[in-house]
Protein backbone atom coordinates (compact mmCIF):
# COMPACT_ATOMS: atom_id res chain seq x y z
CA MET A 1 112.44 101.00 87.28
CA LEU A 2 115.11 101.04 89.95
CA THR A 3 113.69 99.18 92.99
CA ARG A 4 115.36 98.66 96.39
CA TYR A 5 114.07 96.59 99.39
CA SER A 6 114.59 97.60 103.00
CA PRO A 7 113.63 94.52 105.12
CA SER A 8 111.91 94.61 108.47
CA LYS A 9 114.28 95.00 111.43
CA GLY A 10 112.16 92.76 113.66
CA GLU A 11 108.95 92.99 115.63
CA GLY A 12 107.01 96.15 114.95
CA SER A 13 109.14 97.02 111.88
CA PRO A 14 107.70 97.05 108.31
CA ASP A 15 109.07 95.79 105.07
CA VAL A 16 109.68 98.71 102.59
CA TRP A 17 110.15 98.75 98.90
CA GLY A 18 111.28 101.96 97.21
CA PHE A 19 110.69 102.56 93.52
CA TYR A 20 112.66 105.32 91.66
CA GLU A 21 110.85 107.28 88.95
CA LYS A 22 113.75 108.69 86.99
CA ASN A 23 111.82 111.40 85.00
CA THR A 24 111.08 113.27 88.18
CA GLY A 25 113.59 111.88 90.60
CA SER A 26 110.68 110.65 92.80
CA ILE A 27 110.74 107.78 95.20
CA GLN A 28 107.46 105.83 95.60
CA TYR A 29 106.94 103.35 98.48
CA LEU A 30 105.30 100.06 99.20
CA VAL A 31 105.12 99.48 102.95
CA ALA A 32 103.91 96.16 104.40
CA ASP A 33 103.50 94.38 107.71
CA PRO A 34 105.57 91.26 107.43
CA GLN A 35 103.17 89.19 109.62
CA THR A 36 99.82 89.97 107.84
CA ARG A 37 101.15 90.91 104.34
CA LYS A 38 98.92 93.97 104.46
CA GLY A 39 100.29 97.29 103.27
CA VAL A 40 99.98 100.77 101.83
CA LEU A 41 101.28 102.67 98.86
CA ILE A 42 102.89 106.09 99.34
CA ASP A 43 103.40 108.84 96.79
CA VAL A 44 102.95 106.83 93.60
CA VAL A 45 103.53 108.63 90.42
CA GLN A 46 101.20 109.11 87.41
CA ASP A 47 103.25 109.25 84.20
CA PHE A 48 103.18 112.75 82.65
CA ASP A 49 104.94 114.12 79.58
CA PRO A 50 104.95 117.92 79.97
CA ALA A 51 105.93 118.46 76.34
CA GLY A 52 102.88 116.70 75.01
CA ALA A 53 100.66 116.97 78.11
CA ARG A 54 100.18 113.13 77.93
CA THR A 55 99.29 110.98 80.98
CA GLY A 56 99.61 107.25 81.73
CA PHE A 57 100.03 104.68 84.46
CA ASP A 58 102.85 102.37 83.33
CA SER A 59 104.87 103.27 86.44
CA ALA A 60 102.03 102.64 88.81
CA ASP A 61 101.21 99.33 87.09
CA GLU A 62 104.87 98.22 87.49
CA ILE A 63 104.48 98.74 91.31
CA LEU A 64 101.16 96.87 91.31
CA ALA A 65 102.94 93.98 89.75
CA VAL A 66 105.44 93.88 92.58
CA VAL A 67 102.57 94.10 95.07
CA SER A 68 101.02 91.06 93.42
CA ARG A 69 104.31 89.08 93.31
CA GLN A 70 104.88 89.72 96.99
CA GLY A 71 101.37 88.66 97.96
CA ILE A 72 100.55 91.93 99.67
CA THR A 73 97.03 93.24 100.13
CA ILE A 74 96.92 97.02 99.85
CA GLU A 75 94.75 98.71 102.45
CA ARG A 76 95.30 102.37 101.69
CA VAL A 77 96.73 104.69 98.99
CA LEU A 78 98.58 107.67 100.62
CA ASP A 79 100.21 110.90 99.53
CA THR A 80 102.33 113.14 101.76
CA HIS A 81 101.40 116.42 99.96
CA PRO A 82 99.98 117.77 96.66
CA HIS A 83 103.24 117.32 94.75
CA ALA A 84 104.55 120.16 92.56
CA ASP A 85 107.09 118.02 90.60
CA HIS A 86 105.09 114.96 89.74
CA VAL A 87 101.51 113.99 89.04
CA MET A 88 100.00 111.64 91.60
CA ALA A 89 98.25 108.29 90.87
CA SER A 90 96.05 108.31 93.90
CA ALA A 91 92.65 108.28 92.15
CA TYR A 92 93.80 105.58 89.67
CA LEU A 93 95.08 103.35 92.46
CA LYS A 94 91.98 103.95 94.63
CA GLU A 95 89.66 102.86 91.86
CA LYS A 96 91.86 99.90 90.71
CA LEU A 97 92.25 98.55 94.21
CA GLY A 98 88.99 99.53 95.74
CA VAL A 99 90.71 101.08 98.84
CA PRO A 100 90.52 104.58 100.46
CA ASN A 101 93.02 107.26 99.64
CA GLY A 102 94.37 109.86 101.95
CA ILE A 103 96.45 113.03 102.39
CA GLY A 104 96.88 115.70 105.14
CA GLU A 105 93.85 117.89 106.01
CA LYS A 106 95.71 121.05 105.14
CA VAL A 107 95.26 120.19 101.45
CA LEU A 108 91.99 122.16 101.99
CA GLU A 109 94.06 125.33 102.56
CA ILE A 110 96.41 124.55 99.68
CA ALA A 111 93.36 124.17 97.46
CA ASP A 112 92.18 127.60 98.51
CA LEU A 113 95.56 129.12 97.68
CA TRP A 114 95.73 127.54 94.21
CA ARG A 115 92.11 128.33 93.30
CA GLU A 116 93.20 131.99 93.53
CA LEU A 117 96.46 131.41 91.57
CA TYR A 118 94.63 129.69 88.74
CA HIS A 119 91.59 131.89 88.94
CA LEU A 120 89.44 128.74 89.19
CA PRO A 121 87.19 129.55 92.20
CA ASP A 122 85.13 126.32 91.91
CA ALA A 123 87.92 123.97 90.74
CA PHE A 124 88.99 121.79 93.65
CA ASP A 125 87.15 119.76 96.19
CA PRO A 126 89.74 117.65 98.19
CA ALA A 127 87.09 116.43 100.67
CA ARG A 128 85.35 114.79 97.68
CA ASP A 129 88.45 113.34 96.03
CA PHE A 130 90.33 112.10 99.19
CA ASP A 131 88.59 109.66 101.56
CA ASP A 132 90.89 110.55 104.54
CA LEU A 133 92.14 114.05 105.37
CA PHE A 134 94.54 113.28 108.21
CA THR A 135 95.02 115.55 111.18
CA ASP A 136 98.31 115.85 113.04
CA GLY A 137 98.61 112.79 115.34
CA ALA A 138 96.01 110.74 113.44
CA THR A 139 96.63 106.97 113.50
CA PHE A 140 95.48 104.06 111.34
CA PRO A 141 96.48 100.36 111.06
CA VAL A 142 98.84 98.79 108.48
CA GLY A 143 98.04 95.18 109.15
CA SER A 144 99.09 94.64 112.79
CA LEU A 145 101.28 97.72 112.77
CA GLN A 146 100.16 101.21 113.64
CA ALA A 147 100.87 104.24 111.51
CA ARG A 148 100.95 107.79 112.84
CA VAL A 149 100.68 111.08 111.00
CA LEU A 150 103.01 113.99 111.82
CA LEU A 151 102.21 117.44 110.32
CA SER A 152 105.49 118.52 108.69
CA PRO A 153 104.99 121.88 106.98
CA GLY A 154 107.65 123.95 105.28
CA HIS A 155 108.07 122.47 101.82
CA THR A 156 104.34 123.02 101.52
CA LEU A 157 101.98 124.25 104.27
CA GLY A 158 100.27 120.82 104.40
CA SER A 159 103.04 118.29 104.13
CA ILE A 160 102.77 115.24 106.45
CA THR A 161 105.07 112.46 107.49
CA TYR A 162 103.81 108.90 107.87
CA LEU A 163 105.53 106.99 110.71
CA VAL A 164 104.78 103.31 110.21
CA GLY A 165 105.53 100.81 112.97
CA ARG A 166 108.38 101.59 115.28
CA ASP A 167 111.15 102.46 112.79
CA ALA A 168 110.01 103.65 109.30
CA ALA A 169 109.14 107.32 108.55
CA PHE A 170 108.20 108.57 105.14
CA VAL A 171 109.36 112.19 105.29
CA HIS A 172 108.37 113.35 101.80
CA ASP A 173 110.21 116.56 100.79
CA THR A 174 111.47 117.80 104.15
CA LEU A 175 114.75 116.02 103.81
CA MET A 176 116.93 114.79 101.00
CA TYR A 177 119.65 112.18 101.34
CA PRO A 178 122.28 113.48 103.82
CA ASP A 179 124.72 114.64 101.22
CA MET A 180 122.00 116.72 99.53
CA GLY A 181 120.42 118.24 102.67
CA SER A 182 116.86 119.37 102.46
CA SER A 183 114.17 120.31 99.93
CA ARG A 184 113.10 123.73 98.82
CA ALA A 185 110.60 125.88 100.82
CA ASP A 186 109.77 128.64 98.35
CA PHE A 187 106.57 127.26 96.84
CA PRO A 188 103.33 129.12 97.66
CA GLY A 189 102.62 128.32 101.28
CA GLY A 190 106.10 127.06 101.94
CA ASP A 191 108.48 128.54 104.73
CA ALA A 192 112.04 127.75 105.52
CA GLY A 193 111.56 128.41 109.28
CA MET A 194 108.68 125.97 109.38
CA LEU A 195 110.67 123.49 107.45
CA TRP A 196 113.46 123.62 110.04
CA ASP A 197 111.02 123.04 112.88
CA SER A 198 109.49 120.03 111.01
CA ILE A 199 112.88 118.58 110.35
CA ARG A 200 113.91 118.92 114.04
CA GLN A 201 110.73 117.06 115.06
CA ILE A 202 111.60 114.26 112.62
CA LEU A 203 115.22 114.15 113.89
CA ALA A 204 113.92 113.75 117.49
CA LEU A 205 112.67 110.26 116.54
CA PRO A 206 114.76 107.33 117.84
CA PRO A 207 118.22 107.28 116.17
CA GLU A 208 117.60 103.86 114.46
CA THR A 209 114.45 105.18 112.65
CA ARG A 210 114.75 104.72 108.96
CA LEU A 211 113.92 107.98 107.11
CA PHE A 212 112.71 107.52 103.47
CA VAL A 213 112.88 110.61 101.43
CA GLY A 214 110.64 111.74 98.52
CA HIS A 215 113.41 112.60 95.97
CA ASP A 216 116.99 111.99 94.91
CA TYR A 217 118.83 113.46 91.97
CA GLY A 218 122.22 111.94 92.53
CA ALA A 219 125.39 113.64 93.72
CA ALA A 220 128.79 114.27 92.16
CA ASP A 221 130.68 112.03 94.62
CA ARG A 222 128.34 109.04 94.47
CA ASP A 223 127.26 106.93 91.47
CA GLU A 224 123.88 105.61 92.65
CA ILE A 225 120.50 106.90 93.65
CA ARG A 226 119.78 106.71 97.40
CA TRP A 227 116.82 107.39 99.49
CA GLU A 228 117.16 105.68 102.96
CA ALA A 229 119.12 106.89 105.96
CA THR A 230 118.63 106.70 109.68
CA VAL A 231 117.86 109.58 112.06
CA ALA A 232 121.41 109.06 113.47
CA GLU A 233 123.00 109.39 110.02
CA HIS A 234 121.11 112.58 109.25
CA ARG A 235 122.00 114.07 112.57
CA LYS A 236 125.67 113.28 111.99
CA ALA A 237 126.07 114.11 108.28
CA ASN A 238 123.14 115.99 106.71
CA LYS A 239 124.70 118.98 105.07
CA HIS A 240 121.84 121.40 106.02
CA VAL A 241 120.62 120.13 109.31
CA ARG A 242 123.20 118.05 111.08
CA ASP A 243 123.68 118.63 114.76
CA GLY A 244 125.47 121.95 115.45
CA ILE A 245 123.79 123.88 112.70
CA THR A 246 121.42 126.56 113.96
CA LYS A 247 118.00 127.52 112.64
CA ASP A 248 119.19 130.93 111.47
CA GLU A 249 122.01 129.27 109.55
CA PHE A 250 119.58 126.81 107.94
CA VAL A 251 117.03 129.45 106.96
CA ARG A 252 119.73 131.56 105.43
CA THR A 253 121.17 128.62 103.44
CA ARG A 254 117.76 127.39 102.33
CA THR A 255 116.52 130.86 101.34
CA GLU A 256 119.65 131.65 99.32
CA ARG A 257 119.49 128.26 97.56
CA ASP A 258 115.85 128.54 96.80
CA ALA A 259 116.32 131.96 95.13
CA THR A 260 118.46 130.25 92.42
CA LEU A 261 115.94 127.49 91.56
CA SER A 262 113.46 127.47 88.65
CA LEU A 263 109.97 126.04 89.00
CA PRO A 264 109.66 122.28 88.30
CA ASP A 265 108.68 121.79 84.76
CA ARG A 266 105.48 119.92 85.77
CA MET A 267 104.39 122.23 88.57
CA LEU A 268 101.64 124.27 86.89
CA HIS A 269 100.26 121.18 85.28
CA ALA A 270 100.56 118.94 88.33
CA LEU A 271 98.84 121.06 91.00
CA GLN A 272 95.67 121.20 88.88
CA ILE A 273 95.58 117.42 88.79
CA ASN A 274 96.94 116.63 92.22
CA LEU A 275 94.42 118.77 93.98
CA ARG A 276 91.90 116.47 92.43
CA ALA A 277 93.83 113.44 93.81
CA GLY A 278 95.27 112.74 90.41
CA ARG A 279 92.03 113.16 88.40
CA LEU A 280 92.03 115.20 85.23
CA PRO A 281 89.66 118.17 85.01
CA PRO A 282 86.27 117.52 83.52
CA ALA A 283 86.17 117.24 79.73
CA GLU A 284 84.86 120.33 77.91
CA ALA A 285 82.17 120.48 75.28
CA ASP A 286 84.48 119.07 72.62
CA GLY A 287 85.23 116.01 74.74
CA HIS A 288 88.76 116.94 75.46
CA VAL A 289 90.47 117.94 78.75
CA TYR A 290 92.32 121.15 79.21
CA LEU A 291 94.69 122.61 81.83
CA LYS A 292 94.85 126.30 82.65
CA ILE A 293 98.43 127.80 83.00
CA PRO A 294 98.97 131.16 84.75
CA VAL A 295 101.23 133.43 82.82
CA ASN A 296 103.64 135.83 84.52
CA ARG A 297 102.50 134.82 87.96
CA PHE A 298 105.84 133.30 89.02
């Protein structure tokens, strides 16, 4: 697994390790306070093979091995939203580490939306499966550092950003690396205008703030995967939202681009699992687990 370390920039600044999951282009994060060696995990992936509908935790276990080698004590398992393109490992990590897991409170509204789409009226109970449902502005400690939650809707209606310490923001699928721009806003509950507003809030953070994105798929003119850039770098060079681009221009570009995109190949599987914090549905009478896939709904 490709791993990259972004060291603390001094007092109030966390150490960050990013882990690239190549099958989904996802970036997973270990964030730690250098003084106390306490940390959190963000957006860790559960392995999923859509062809055979097989699950596993090899990727998560690789990250736990790094946690152990670095001598870090994990205090929380966090996700930024119910992902459409990968299956989350939240429940697995919660049970393995004995720590609370968390996500934004609007997961409750997302669950309502997907109960209807799956025609599963009693399927999801996020208040049961997540210990913390964070409100906009909520805070919690990461060792001696403070983390703050920013509601950042647009990609989904319940996406959140985690701002840890003074200079590290985990911005999920609002932004991509500057040469790729932004993430799609056409999933159920998404909205390009809301995405613009969320991005401008993020880009109002101090210019030296490190922004860590949720995905990278590479680009034609670079030969490596990248996921970290500062606010200043995005404001100067982000192809969709750099300074000088207007909201109307962004919404038009984003909407036109989204109209050309297919659904992620894991989406209809993943939402049923992620709205349970990464747990599979209950086994049926034959002892096996089944997922329900809507036909001709998208």
